[in-house]
Amino acid sequence: MFATGTLARRIERAEAGLVAEGTRAAARRVPPDQIVLRELNGGIAAYVEPGAPFNKVAGLGFDGVPAADTLDALERAFEERQSPLQVEVSTMADPELFRTLTTRGYQLVGFENVLGLALGQNPPDVNASPENSGIVVTRASADESPAWMETVLTGFLTPDVFDGPPSHESFARETLGRVFGDTLAAPGFERFLARRNGTIAGGASFRIQDGVAQLSGAATLPEHRRQGVQTALLRHRLREAAARGCDIAVVTTQPGSKSQENVQKAGFSLLYARAVLIRQ
């Protein structure tokens, strides 16, 4: 699969939509004057609370570069909240955006990879049985929401060791717990649980926007790893996405991570990277 500018724009718009939806969900519990949610040049700028993963700017670089006074106002808003301002920019975006940000003092702190799989007229064999026939994936019911949240939290906070660069960010369990709790109330996020021989082994989520299926929130409990749980969760969500008319599924991973290895084995292609720039 090959990433054109048009495809990258669509994926980045979906990413901006995910950030906006997560921030609106958090607004149900956070004081209104604490929230930042601003559209700018086709992207979104968001702030929820200290240390939250949705504190960022996403989707910029495909509809011009924000004016200096717009960036001034946004930077002031983050300074007032004593928060660094993180901007994630696709390598397919307008290079002028990179020049603008670096001259304003933003520093490159890392990258993340965006991988995609076509789900059009010739979808992959998403109906194949998982490697372990004892794995069953189902949609998480409302009653199973606490179990889903505990599963993905534990999985996220006990990451696999891999031969790649360290992550540029880390999150406290309490903060991640609030974020996952927020998404339970957000209409666009859908959650799934994988059971291995009847025992909960992993969880995942996805979201659909403009034919793009965003696969996210995938985590396996440490004692169930290397047993095909991630493969089962991936195939189930791909099957759901294809049935709903999506033409592409996307995954964002840390470079060189086990997650990237897993999805590439499933047929995903590396489309582009996002540079992560921060202004302290």
Protein backbone atom coordinates (compact mmCIF):
# COMPACT_ATOMS: atom_id res chain seq x y z
CA MET A 1 0.00 0.00 0.00
CA PHE A 2 1.23 3.49 -0.89
CA ALA A 3 0.46 6.78 0.86
CA THR A 4 -0.53 9.69 -1.35
CA GLY A 5 -1.04 13.19 -0.04
CA THR A 6 -4.80 12.73 -0.37
CA LEU A 7 -4.75 9.56 1.71
CA ALA A 8 -2.48 11.09 4.35
CA ARG A 9 -4.82 14.09 4.63
CA ARG A 10 -7.78 11.76 5.23
CA ILE A 11 -5.94 9.75 7.87
CA GLU A 12 -4.76 12.90 9.65
CA ARG A 13 -8.29 14.30 9.63
CA ALA A 14 -9.45 11.09 11.31
CA GLU A 15 -6.69 11.45 13.89
CA ALA A 16 -7.80 15.00 14.63
CA GLY A 17 -11.36 13.71 14.98
CA LEU A 18 -10.24 11.07 17.47
CA VAL A 19 -8.48 13.70 19.61
CA ALA A 20 -11.50 16.00 19.46
CA GLU A 21 -13.93 13.23 20.39
CA GLY A 22 -11.79 12.11 23.31
CA THR A 23 -11.49 15.69 24.55
CA ARG A 24 -15.26 16.28 24.34
CA ALA A 25 -15.79 13.10 26.36
CA ALA A 26 -13.39 14.38 29.02
CA ALA A 27 -15.25 17.70 29.13
CA ARG A 28 -18.08 15.91 30.95
CA ARG A 29 -15.93 15.75 34.10
CA VAL A 30 -13.32 18.52 33.68
CA PRO A 31 -14.08 22.20 34.52
CA PRO A 32 -15.06 23.98 31.29
CA ASP A 33 -12.42 26.68 31.64
CA GLN A 34 -9.69 24.02 31.82
CA ILE A 35 -10.47 22.46 28.43
CA VAL A 36 -8.82 23.66 25.22
CA LEU A 37 -10.41 22.50 21.96
CA ARG A 38 -9.65 24.63 18.91
CA GLU A 39 -9.79 23.92 15.20
CA LEU A 40 -6.97 25.39 13.18
CA ASN A 41 -6.10 24.91 9.51
CA GLY A 42 -7.83 21.55 9.31
CA GLY A 43 -6.26 20.25 12.49
CA ILE A 44 -7.22 20.29 16.15
CA ALA A 45 -5.55 21.58 19.31
CA ALA A 46 -6.64 20.03 22.59
CA TYR A 47 -5.86 20.14 26.30
CA VAL A 48 -7.66 18.10 28.96
CA GLU A 49 -5.62 17.95 32.17
CA PRO A 50 -1.98 17.58 33.26
CA GLY A 51 -0.29 14.59 31.64
CA ALA A 52 -3.23 13.56 29.44
CA PRO A 53 -2.48 11.86 26.10
CA PHE A 54 -4.98 14.13 24.30
CA ASN A 55 -2.91 17.23 25.14
CA LYS A 56 -1.65 17.85 21.63
CA VAL A 57 -2.11 19.35 18.19
CA ALA A 58 -3.03 16.84 15.48
CA GLY A 59 -3.88 16.95 11.78
CA LEU A 60 -1.95 20.09 10.80
CA GLY A 61 -0.04 20.61 7.58
CA PHE A 62 -2.61 19.91 4.86
CA ASP A 63 -4.58 23.19 4.82
CA GLY A 64 -1.91 25.81 5.22
CA VAL A 65 0.17 26.91 8.19
CA PRO A 66 -1.50 28.67 11.15
CA ALA A 67 -0.87 32.42 11.32
CA ALA A 68 1.60 33.73 13.89
CA ASP A 69 -1.13 35.31 16.04
CA THR A 70 -3.07 32.02 16.06
CA LEU A 71 -0.01 30.16 17.32
CA ASP A 72 0.68 32.95 19.82
CA ALA A 73 -2.78 32.54 21.33
CA LEU A 74 -2.52 28.76 21.45
CA GLU A 75 0.89 28.85 23.09
CA ARG A 76 -0.41 31.27 25.71
CA ALA A 77 -3.30 28.93 26.49
CA PHE A 78 -0.90 26.05 27.16
CA GLU A 79 1.46 28.29 29.15
CA GLU A 80 -1.45 29.34 31.36
CA ARG A 81 -2.04 25.63 32.07
CA GLN A 82 1.69 25.10 32.68
CA SER A 83 1.75 22.47 29.97
CA PRO A 84 4.18 21.83 27.11
CA LEU A 85 2.60 22.12 23.68
CA GLN A 86 3.03 18.95 21.60
CA VAL A 87 2.48 19.01 17.83
CA GLU A 88 2.40 15.79 15.81
CA VAL A 89 3.12 16.41 12.13
CA SER A 90 2.96 13.91 9.28
CA THR A 91 6.02 13.63 7.06
CA MET A 92 3.52 14.08 4.21
CA ALA A 93 2.55 17.54 5.50
CA ASP A 94 3.65 20.91 4.13
CA PRO A 95 7.38 21.35 4.99
CA GLU A 96 6.66 24.99 5.76
CA LEU A 97 4.92 23.87 8.95
CA PHE A 98 8.13 22.24 10.19
CA ARG A 99 10.10 25.41 9.46
CA THR A 100 7.53 27.55 11.25
CA LEU A 101 7.50 25.38 14.37
CA THR A 102 11.26 24.99 14.69
CA THR A 103 11.83 28.74 14.37
CA ARG A 104 9.35 29.22 17.23
CA GLY A 105 11.37 26.98 19.53
CA TYR A 106 9.69 23.60 19.05
CA GLN A 107 12.09 20.68 19.43
CA LEU A 108 11.92 17.25 17.83
CA VAL A 109 11.52 14.61 20.56
CA GLY A 110 10.50 11.50 18.64
CA PHE A 111 8.49 9.82 15.92
CA GLU A 112 5.52 7.50 15.59
CA ASN A 113 4.69 5.32 12.61
CA VAL A 114 1.37 5.19 10.77
CA LEU A 115 0.65 1.89 9.04
CA GLY A 116 -2.27 1.03 6.79
CA LEU A 117 -4.06 -1.92 5.24
CA ALA A 118 -6.41 -1.65 2.26
CA LEU A 119 -9.88 -3.08 2.84
CA GLY A 120 -11.38 -2.41 -0.58
CA GLN A 121 -12.27 -4.87 -3.31
CA ASN A 122 -9.50 -7.28 -2.35
CA PRO A 123 -9.47 -7.33 1.47
CA PRO A 124 -7.00 -9.54 3.35
CA ASP A 125 -8.03 -12.93 4.71
CA VAL A 126 -9.53 -11.46 7.86
CA ASN A 127 -11.75 -14.49 8.34
CA ALA A 128 -8.84 -16.83 9.01
CA SER A 129 -8.92 -18.58 12.36
CA PRO A 130 -6.53 -17.20 14.96
CA GLU A 131 -3.45 -19.23 15.77
CA ASN A 132 -5.01 -20.37 19.04
CA SER A 133 -8.50 -21.76 18.50
CA GLY A 134 -9.26 -21.17 22.19
CA ILE A 135 -9.41 -17.38 21.62
CA VAL A 136 -12.81 -15.74 21.23
CA VAL A 137 -13.32 -12.00 20.58
CA THR A 138 -16.58 -10.25 21.43
CA ARG A 139 -17.78 -6.69 21.73
CA ALA A 140 -17.43 -5.49 25.32
CA SER A 141 -20.84 -4.89 26.89
CA ALA A 142 -21.58 -2.03 29.27
CA ASP A 143 -21.29 -4.46 32.18
CA GLU A 144 -17.85 -5.49 30.92
CA SER A 145 -16.53 -1.93 30.73
CA PRO A 146 -14.61 -2.16 34.04
CA ALA A 147 -13.00 -5.43 32.94
CA TRP A 148 -12.07 -3.93 29.57
CA MET A 149 -10.51 -0.88 31.22
CA GLU A 150 -8.52 -2.91 33.73
CA THR A 151 -7.27 -5.20 30.96
CA VAL A 152 -6.02 -2.48 28.62
CA LEU A 153 -4.57 -0.45 31.50
CA THR A 154 -2.55 -3.40 32.74
CA GLY A 155 -1.45 -4.26 29.21
CA PHE A 156 -0.40 -0.71 28.38
CA LEU A 157 1.56 -0.26 31.58
CA THR A 158 3.53 -3.51 31.15
CA PRO A 159 4.92 -3.02 27.63
CA ASP A 160 6.99 -5.57 25.76
CA VAL A 161 10.74 -5.07 25.53
CA PHE A 162 11.79 -4.37 21.94
CA ASP A 163 14.80 -3.31 19.93
CA GLY A 164 13.86 0.27 19.10
CA PRO A 165 14.03 3.84 20.41
CA PRO A 166 12.43 4.54 23.80
CA SER A 167 9.07 6.26 23.86
CA HIS A 168 9.09 10.05 24.14
CA GLU A 169 6.19 9.97 26.59
CA SER A 170 4.81 8.05 29.55
CA PHE A 171 1.53 8.27 31.43
CA ALA A 172 0.47 7.66 35.01
CA ARG A 173 -2.01 4.85 35.62
CA GLU A 174 -4.51 7.26 37.17
CA THR A 175 -4.38 9.56 34.13
CA LEU A 176 -4.78 6.72 31.65
CA GLY A 177 -7.63 5.34 33.73
CA ARG A 178 -9.51 8.62 33.46
CA VAL A 179 -8.89 8.78 29.70
CA PHE A 180 -10.12 5.23 29.12
CA GLY A 181 -13.08 6.00 31.35
CA ASP A 182 -13.89 9.05 29.23
CA THR A 183 -13.91 7.01 26.03
CA LEU A 184 -16.48 4.67 27.54
CA ALA A 185 -18.92 7.57 27.28
CA ALA A 186 -17.79 8.68 23.81
CA PRO A 187 -20.14 7.44 21.07
CA GLY A 188 -17.47 6.86 18.41
CA PHE A 189 -15.22 4.45 20.31
CA GLU A 190 -16.05 0.73 20.21
CA ARG A 191 -14.42 -1.80 22.53
CA PHE A 192 -13.68 -5.52 22.27
CA LEU A 193 -12.48 -8.22 24.65
CA ALA A 194 -10.50 -11.34 23.80
CA ARG A 195 -10.92 -14.43 25.96
CA ARG A 196 -8.45 -17.28 25.90
CA ASN A 197 -9.96 -20.54 27.06
CA GLY A 198 -12.69 -18.53 28.74
CA THR A 199 -10.39 -16.10 30.57
CA ILE A 200 -10.06 -12.42 29.60
CA ALA A 201 -6.67 -12.08 27.90
CA GLY A 202 -6.74 -8.78 26.03
CA GLY A 203 -8.76 -5.82 24.89
CA ALA A 204 -8.85 -3.35 22.03
CA SER A 205 -10.93 -0.57 20.50
CA PHE A 206 -11.55 1.13 17.20
CA ARG A 207 -13.21 4.16 15.70
CA ILE A 208 -14.46 4.88 12.16
CA GLN A 209 -14.35 8.21 10.33
CA ASP A 210 -14.67 8.85 6.59
CA GLY A 211 -14.03 5.23 5.70
CA VAL A 212 -10.92 5.06 7.90
CA ALA A 213 -10.95 2.43 10.65
CA GLN A 214 -8.63 3.59 13.43
CA LEU A 215 -7.44 0.56 15.37
CA SER A 216 -6.35 1.58 18.86
CA GLY A 217 -6.29 0.57 22.49
CA ALA A 218 -4.94 -2.95 21.81
CA ALA A 219 -3.28 -4.59 24.81
CA THR A 220 -2.69 -8.13 26.02
CA LEU A 221 -2.21 -9.19 29.61
CA PRO A 222 1.42 -10.29 30.15
CA GLU A 223 0.54 -13.89 31.05
CA HIS A 224 -1.34 -14.33 27.75
CA ARG A 225 1.24 -12.91 25.34
CA ARG A 226 2.67 -14.87 22.39
CA GLN A 227 -0.55 -16.89 22.17
CA GLY A 228 -2.28 -15.16 19.25
CA VAL A 229 -4.44 -12.76 21.28
CA GLN A 230 -3.37 -9.66 19.33
CA THR A 231 -3.87 -11.50 16.05
CA ALA A 232 -7.41 -12.43 17.05
CA LEU A 233 -8.25 -8.87 18.13
CA LEU A 234 -6.78 -7.48 14.92
CA ARG A 235 -8.67 -9.85 12.62
CA HIS A 236 -11.95 -9.25 14.43
CA ARG A 237 -11.70 -5.48 14.05
CA LEU A 238 -10.64 -5.74 10.41
CA ARG A 239 -13.67 -7.90 9.73
CA GLU A 240 -15.91 -5.32 11.45
CA ALA A 241 -14.33 -2.47 9.48
CA ALA A 242 -14.68 -4.23 6.14
CA ALA A 243 -18.33 -5.08 6.86
CA ARG A 244 -19.05 -1.39 7.50
CA GLY A 245 -17.58 -0.23 4.21
CA CYS A 246 -14.20 1.06 5.38
CA ASP A 247 -11.58 1.06 2.63
CA ILE A 248 -8.57 1.36 4.94
CA ALA A 249 -7.54 0.38 8.46
CA VAL A 250 -4.77 2.32 10.19
CA VAL A 251 -2.60 1.69 13.23
CA THR A 252 -0.19 4.07 14.95
CA THR A 253 2.82 2.45 16.60
CA GLN A 254 6.10 3.29 18.22
CA PRO A 255 8.95 2.69 15.73
CA GLY A 256 10.45 -0.77 16.03
CA SER A 257 7.84 -1.93 18.55
CA LYS A 258 6.26 -5.35 18.89
CA SER A 259 2.96 -3.76 17.84
CA GLN A 260 4.52 -2.64 14.57
CA GLU A 261 5.96 -6.10 13.99
CA ASN A 262 2.57 -7.72 14.62
CA VAL A 263 0.61 -5.54 12.21
CA GLN A 264 3.25 -5.77 9.48
CA LYS A 265 3.06 -9.56 9.74
CA ALA A 266 -0.69 -9.16 9.19
CA GLY A 267 -0.08 -7.25 5.95
CA PHE A 268 -0.01 -3.62 7.05
CA SER A 269 2.37 -1.29 5.21
CA LEU A 270 4.29 1.63 6.66
CA LEU A 271 2.62 4.69 5.13
CA TYR A 272 4.47 7.57 6.80
CA ALA A 273 5.77 8.77 10.13
CA ARG A 274 4.67 11.58 12.39
CA ALA A 275 7.31 13.85 13.85
CA VAL A 276 6.60 14.79 17.46
CA LEU A 277 7.66 18.34 18.30
CA ILE A 278 7.33 19.98 21.71
CA ARG A 279 7.50 23.56 22.89
CA GLN A 280 8.24 23.63 26.61
